[in-house]
Amino acid sequence: MMTRNHARIILLTAGLIWGFGFIANKFILDNGWDDSQLLFVRFFSATVSIFIIFFKKTIKSDIDTIKIGLFLGVFLFLGFFFQTWGLEETTPSKNALITAGYIIALPIIIYIFERKLMGLKSFLAALVTFFGIVIITVNFNEINQPINIGDSLTFIGAIFWGLHLYLLGKYAKFKDPIQLMAYQLLMVSFLSFIAMMIKAGFPSVNYRDWDSLKVLLSGIGIGFFASFVGFVFQSVGQRYTHASEAAILISTESVFGPIFAIIFHFDIFSIKLLFGMILVFMGIMLSEVDVLQVFKKIKKRKNVIRSS
């Protein structure tokens, strides 16, 4: 029986998987692949994986689930597409900063669609997590540059990330999360294929050269783990928790990414990174613990001790 605590662990695991995905992405792009080629190989291998492993389940999907899955896949693709397009026109730090804004955008999206304000606890948790991610990902020397088209494109991507999180959380409550994710991955594969053919064509792979083959295998591997396992975990996890909490938990990819980069000797550990990590985990704790209730209990105990 899946519980909310299980869902939290699953969402954190998705964040960890995506954090490791940063390393694989860096390796593939550094070896000459275009981002559209990476996107297609990732999602095509993820699509093949989910339809093979969950064949009996996916083949029984009803028309309504298929339509919803394909619909959600458009938002998932657009989040990736505008983020990577924006990265080509702006600095990595500004791209990371604006992308992380989906955590702040989500409460606004929830209010627009449901006319429901996020609770103070969840809002503070989102704010603390956002600032933690900013400290981890942003090179503040680059932020002073004027706003450009890349920043605007990245912002559009962040809105689509927020919309996808909200809509997935809504539909996953009454639709099978595996079936739902299968058709999302299928739609992203289809749209990524179109983008790849327009932009770069098929990636060039020399099957007799191990270095070239290693890049392809890395793309397939990240597709299986980051796009198949990671997004299935997100879909299952969001079935048993609310969107704002899910956004905070999966945003830990921004913490795990630099940790793995340090482990694999790409980056150097810094106090800035440590401080950002502390803020992100404080945000997670704020989202899971009712701080006001804790203070009330502590105050009540103190009063009991004094009166005795």
Protein backbone atom coordinates (compact mmCIF):
# COMPACT_ATOMS: atom_id res chain seq x y z
CA MET A 1 0.00 0.00 0.00
CA MET A 2 1.55 3.28 -1.13
CA THR A 3 1.59 5.99 1.57
CA ARG A 4 2.48 9.67 1.43
CA ASN A 5 5.86 8.93 3.05
CA HIS A 6 6.59 6.37 0.33
CA ALA A 7 5.65 8.99 -2.27
CA ARG A 8 8.08 11.46 -0.71
CA ILE A 9 10.92 8.93 -0.88
CA ILE A 10 10.06 8.14 -4.51
CA LEU A 11 10.08 11.85 -5.45
CA LEU A 12 13.41 12.39 -3.69
CA THR A 13 14.79 9.39 -5.58
CA ALA A 14 13.64 10.99 -8.84
CA GLY A 15 15.55 14.14 -7.86
CA LEU A 16 18.65 12.02 -7.16
CA ILE A 17 18.39 10.25 -10.55
CA TRP A 18 17.99 13.56 -12.40
CA GLY A 19 20.93 14.99 -10.45
CA PHE A 20 23.13 12.19 -11.78
CA GLY A 21 21.67 12.87 -15.22
CA PHE A 22 23.50 16.23 -15.28
CA ILE A 23 26.80 14.32 -15.46
CA ALA A 24 25.64 12.17 -18.38
CA ASN A 25 24.21 15.22 -20.19
CA LYS A 26 27.50 17.06 -19.82
CA PHE A 27 29.44 14.08 -21.19
CA ILE A 28 27.14 13.67 -24.23
CA LEU A 29 26.99 17.38 -25.14
CA ASP A 30 30.75 17.79 -24.63
CA ASN A 31 31.25 15.02 -27.21
CA GLY A 32 29.52 16.92 -30.01
CA TRP A 33 25.85 15.99 -29.81
CA ASP A 34 23.22 18.68 -30.28
CA ASP A 35 20.70 19.10 -27.44
CA SER A 36 17.83 18.08 -29.75
CA GLN A 37 19.65 14.84 -30.60
CA LEU A 38 20.17 14.13 -26.91
CA LEU A 39 16.52 14.88 -26.17
CA PHE A 40 15.27 12.49 -28.86
CA VAL A 41 17.57 9.58 -27.93
CA ARG A 42 16.72 10.05 -24.24
CA PHE A 43 12.98 10.02 -24.70
CA PHE A 44 12.87 7.45 -27.48
CA SER A 45 14.77 4.93 -25.34
CA ALA A 46 12.53 5.81 -22.37
CA THR A 47 9.41 5.29 -24.50
CA VAL A 48 10.61 1.91 -25.77
CA SER A 49 11.50 0.90 -22.20
CA ILE A 50 8.13 1.75 -20.66
CA PHE A 51 6.10 0.12 -23.44
CA ILE A 52 8.18 -3.10 -23.24
CA ILE A 53 8.43 -3.37 -19.44
CA PHE A 54 4.80 -2.40 -18.81
CA PHE A 55 3.38 -3.81 -22.04
CA LYS A 56 0.33 -5.47 -20.47
CA LYS A 57 -0.55 -2.32 -18.54
CA THR A 58 0.02 0.22 -21.33
CA ILE A 59 -1.83 -1.83 -23.95
CA LYS A 60 -4.95 -1.71 -21.74
CA SER A 61 -4.97 2.11 -21.55
CA ASP A 62 -8.37 3.64 -22.26
CA ILE A 63 -8.81 6.44 -24.79
CA ASP A 64 -9.23 9.10 -22.08
CA THR A 65 -5.89 8.15 -20.44
CA ILE A 66 -4.13 8.17 -23.81
CA LYS A 67 -5.49 11.64 -24.63
CA ILE A 68 -4.50 13.04 -21.22
CA GLY A 69 -1.02 11.46 -21.44
CA LEU A 70 -0.40 12.92 -24.91
CA PHE A 71 -1.70 16.30 -23.71
CA LEU A 72 0.66 16.31 -20.69
CA GLY A 73 3.52 15.24 -22.96
CA VAL A 74 3.21 18.51 -24.87
CA PHE A 75 3.86 20.50 -21.66
CA LEU A 76 6.74 18.22 -20.69
CA PHE A 77 8.36 18.68 -24.12
CA LEU A 78 7.84 22.45 -24.13
CA GLY A 79 9.49 22.73 -20.71
CA PHE A 80 12.60 20.95 -22.04
CA PHE A 81 12.50 22.71 -25.42
CA PHE A 82 12.32 26.30 -24.16
CA GLN A 83 14.83 25.64 -21.39
CA THR A 84 17.46 24.27 -23.82
CA TRP A 85 16.65 26.90 -26.46
CA GLY A 86 17.00 29.61 -23.82
CA LEU A 87 20.35 28.17 -22.72
CA GLU A 88 21.71 28.78 -26.22
CA GLU A 89 20.89 32.50 -25.94
CA THR A 90 21.77 33.27 -22.30
CA THR A 91 24.28 32.26 -19.61
CA PRO A 92 24.00 28.90 -17.77
CA SER A 93 23.57 30.72 -14.45
CA LYS A 94 20.65 32.84 -15.63
CA ASN A 95 19.12 29.77 -17.29
CA ALA A 96 19.35 27.81 -14.03
CA LEU A 97 18.00 30.72 -11.97
CA ILE A 98 14.96 31.33 -14.19
CA THR A 99 14.23 27.61 -14.59
CA ALA A 100 14.15 27.19 -10.80
CA GLY A 101 11.40 29.80 -10.82
CA TYR A 102 8.85 27.03 -11.49
CA ILE A 103 8.86 26.46 -7.71
CA ILE A 104 7.62 30.02 -7.22
CA ALA A 105 5.37 29.95 -10.30
CA LEU A 106 3.50 26.85 -9.10
CA PRO A 107 1.52 28.62 -6.32
CA ILE A 108 0.40 31.22 -8.87
CA ILE A 109 -0.67 28.48 -11.29
CA ILE A 110 -2.61 26.71 -8.53
CA TYR A 111 -4.37 29.97 -7.64
CA ILE A 112 -5.27 30.72 -11.28
CA PHE A 113 -6.82 27.29 -11.83
CA GLU A 114 -8.28 26.61 -8.39
CA ARG A 115 -8.59 30.03 -6.73
CA LYS A 116 -6.79 28.47 -3.79
CA LEU A 117 -3.88 30.12 -1.99
CA MET A 118 -0.91 28.03 -0.93
CA GLY A 119 -0.53 27.67 2.84
CA LEU A 120 2.07 29.81 4.60
CA LYS A 121 4.16 26.75 5.46
CA SER A 122 4.32 25.56 1.85
CA PHE A 123 5.04 29.08 0.57
CA LEU A 124 7.95 29.58 2.99
CA ALA A 125 9.29 26.12 2.12
CA ALA A 126 9.16 26.94 -1.60
CA LEU A 127 10.88 30.29 -1.02
CA VAL A 128 13.71 28.81 1.07
CA THR A 129 14.21 25.99 -1.46
CA PHE A 130 14.27 28.48 -4.33
CA PHE A 131 16.97 30.61 -2.67
CA GLY A 132 18.99 27.47 -1.94
CA ILE A 133 18.87 26.47 -5.61
CA VAL A 134 19.84 30.02 -6.64
CA ILE A 135 22.93 29.90 -4.40
CA ILE A 136 23.93 26.46 -5.73
CA THR A 137 23.42 27.09 -9.46
CA VAL A 138 24.00 30.78 -10.08
CA ASN A 139 27.25 32.55 -10.88
CA PHE A 140 26.35 35.98 -9.54
CA ASN A 141 28.99 37.66 -11.73
CA GLU A 142 26.82 36.82 -14.77
CA ILE A 143 23.50 38.03 -13.37
CA ASN A 144 24.24 41.72 -13.96
CA GLN A 145 23.96 41.24 -17.72
CA PRO A 146 20.79 42.72 -19.26
CA ILE A 147 17.69 40.60 -19.92
CA ASN A 148 17.81 39.02 -23.39
CA ILE A 149 15.73 36.70 -25.57
CA GLY A 150 17.30 33.65 -23.92
CA ASP A 151 16.00 34.76 -20.52
CA SER A 152 12.50 35.16 -21.94
CA LEU A 153 12.62 31.71 -23.57
CA THR A 154 13.84 30.16 -20.31
CA PHE A 155 11.02 31.86 -18.42
CA ILE A 156 8.47 30.36 -20.84
CA GLY A 157 10.06 26.95 -20.18
CA ALA A 158 9.74 27.45 -16.42
CA ILE A 159 6.02 28.22 -16.83
CA PHE A 160 5.57 24.98 -18.80
CA TRP A 161 7.44 23.05 -16.07
CA GLY A 162 5.07 24.51 -13.49
CA LEU A 163 2.00 23.71 -15.63
CA HIS A 164 3.21 20.15 -16.16
CA LEU A 165 3.74 19.64 -12.43
CA TYR A 166 0.29 21.00 -11.63
CA LEU A 167 -1.57 19.05 -14.34
CA LEU A 168 0.30 15.80 -13.68
CA GLY A 169 -0.53 16.04 -9.99
CA LYS A 170 -4.18 16.61 -10.88
CA TYR A 171 -4.60 13.77 -13.38
CA ALA A 172 -2.35 11.24 -11.59
CA LYS A 173 -4.88 11.19 -8.75
CA PHE A 174 -7.45 9.28 -10.84
CA LYS A 175 -5.48 7.85 -13.77
CA ASP A 176 -2.90 5.06 -13.72
CA PRO A 177 0.48 6.85 -13.40
CA ILE A 178 2.33 4.28 -15.54
CA GLN A 179 -0.16 4.53 -18.40
CA LEU A 180 -0.19 8.29 -18.07
CA MET A 181 3.60 8.56 -18.25
CA ALA A 182 3.88 6.11 -21.16
CA TYR A 183 1.92 8.38 -23.48
CA GLN A 184 3.68 11.48 -22.18
CA LEU A 185 7.03 9.93 -23.12
CA LEU A 186 5.61 8.92 -26.50
CA MET A 187 4.53 12.51 -27.23
CA VAL A 188 7.89 13.94 -26.12
CA SER A 189 9.68 11.42 -28.36
CA PHE A 190 7.54 12.43 -31.33
CA LEU A 191 8.02 16.17 -30.82
CA SER A 192 11.74 15.71 -30.08
CA PHE A 193 12.13 13.80 -33.35
CA ILE A 194 10.59 16.70 -35.28
CA ALA A 195 12.84 19.22 -33.48
CA MET A 196 15.92 17.07 -34.11
CA MET A 197 15.21 16.67 -37.83
CA ILE A 198 14.66 20.42 -38.23
CA LYS A 199 17.68 21.41 -36.19
CA ALA A 200 20.43 18.81 -36.49
CA GLY A 201 19.37 15.50 -38.03
CA PHE A 202 20.33 12.10 -36.62
CA PRO A 203 23.46 12.01 -34.46
CA SER A 204 26.53 10.62 -36.18
CA VAL A 205 27.67 7.36 -34.56
CA ASN A 206 30.66 5.25 -35.58
CA TYR A 207 29.80 1.77 -34.30
CA ARG A 208 33.42 0.62 -34.75
CA ASP A 209 34.72 3.43 -32.51
CA TRP A 210 34.24 2.78 -28.79
CA ASP A 211 34.34 6.49 -27.88
CA SER A 212 31.55 7.25 -30.37
CA LEU A 213 29.54 4.22 -29.27
CA LYS A 214 29.99 5.21 -25.63
CA VAL A 215 28.19 8.52 -26.27
CA LEU A 216 25.23 6.67 -27.81
CA LEU A 217 25.10 4.17 -24.94
CA SER A 218 25.20 7.08 -22.47
CA GLY A 219 22.21 8.65 -24.24
CA ILE A 220 20.29 5.37 -24.08
CA GLY A 221 21.29 4.91 -20.44
CA ILE A 222 20.16 8.35 -19.38
CA GLY A 223 16.95 7.74 -21.30
CA PHE A 224 16.28 4.59 -19.29
CA PHE A 225 17.16 5.96 -15.86
CA ALA A 226 16.43 9.71 -16.04
CA SER A 227 13.55 9.77 -18.52
CA PHE A 228 11.92 6.36 -17.88
CA VAL A 229 12.58 5.57 -14.21
CA GLY A 230 12.76 9.22 -13.09
CA PHE A 231 9.51 10.35 -14.70
CA VAL A 232 7.64 7.18 -13.70
CA PHE A 233 8.74 7.88 -10.11
CA GLN A 234 7.48 11.46 -10.45
CA SER A 235 4.13 10.30 -11.84
CA VAL A 236 3.66 7.67 -9.10
CA GLY A 237 4.84 10.04 -6.36
CA GLN A 238 2.50 12.85 -7.41
CA ARG A 239 -0.46 10.50 -7.13
CA TYR A 240 -0.04 10.50 -3.36
CA THR A 241 1.12 14.06 -2.64
CA HIS A 242 0.28 17.61 -3.70
CA ALA A 243 2.00 19.51 -6.49
CA SER A 244 3.78 22.14 -4.36
CA GLU A 245 5.37 19.47 -2.14
CA ALA A 246 6.37 17.43 -5.20
CA ALA A 247 8.02 20.51 -6.76
CA ILE A 248 10.18 21.00 -3.67
CA LEU A 249 11.17 17.33 -3.42
CA ILE A 250 12.12 16.84 -7.08
CA SER A 251 13.99 20.17 -7.11
CA THR A 252 16.68 18.35 -5.09
CA GLU A 253 18.14 17.44 -8.50
CA SER A 254 19.81 20.87 -8.21
CA VAL A 255 21.57 19.62 -5.06
CA PHE A 256 22.40 16.11 -6.22
CA GLY A 257 23.77 17.39 -9.55
CA PRO A 258 26.65 19.40 -8.01
CA ILE A 259 27.31 16.60 -5.47
CA PHE A 260 27.80 14.07 -8.27
CA ALA A 261 29.88 16.63 -10.18
CA ILE A 262 32.20 16.88 -7.18
CA ILE A 263 32.38 13.08 -6.78
CA PHE A 264 33.29 12.65 -10.45
CA HIS A 265 35.87 15.48 -10.20
CA PHE A 266 34.13 18.00 -12.47
CA ASP A 267 33.63 20.63 -9.77
CA ILE A 268 35.27 21.77 -6.55
CA PHE A 269 33.42 21.77 -3.22
CA SER A 270 32.72 25.26 -1.84
CA ILE A 271 31.09 26.96 1.14
CA LYS A 272 28.59 28.51 -1.30
CA LEU A 273 27.47 25.02 -2.38
CA LEU A 274 27.24 23.84 1.23
CA PHE A 275 25.12 26.86 2.23
CA GLY A 276 22.80 26.34 -0.74
CA MET A 277 22.40 22.65 0.10
CA ILE A 278 21.52 23.53 3.71
CA LEU A 279 18.83 25.96 2.49
CA VAL A 280 17.32 23.37 0.11
CA PHE A 281 17.10 20.75 2.83
CA MET A 282 15.68 23.37 5.21
CA GLY A 283 13.01 24.01 2.58
CA ILE A 284 12.24 20.29 2.43
CA MET A 285 11.96 20.11 6.22
CA LEU A 286 9.67 23.15 6.25
CA SER A 287 7.42 21.47 3.68
CA GLU A 288 7.18 18.29 5.76
CA VAL A 289 7.06 19.63 9.32
CA ASP A 290 4.48 21.99 10.79
CA VAL A 291 6.93 24.39 12.41
CA LEU A 292 4.24 26.40 14.22
CA GLN A 293 2.87 23.24 15.82
CA VAL A 294 6.38 22.24 16.93
CA PHE A 295 6.91 25.63 18.60
CA LYS A 296 3.48 25.40 20.26
CA LYS A 297 4.32 21.96 21.67
CA ILE A 298 7.69 23.20 22.96
CA LYS A 299 6.01 26.22 24.56
CA LYS A 300 3.32 23.99 26.09
CA ARG A 301 5.94 21.67 27.60
CA LYS A 302 7.82 24.64 29.06
CA ASN A 303 4.59 25.90 30.68
CA VAL A 304 3.87 22.44 32.10
CA ILE A 305 7.42 22.24 33.57
CA ARG A 306 7.10 25.72 35.10
CA SER A 307 3.68 25.01 36.60
CA SER A 308 4.95 21.76 38.12
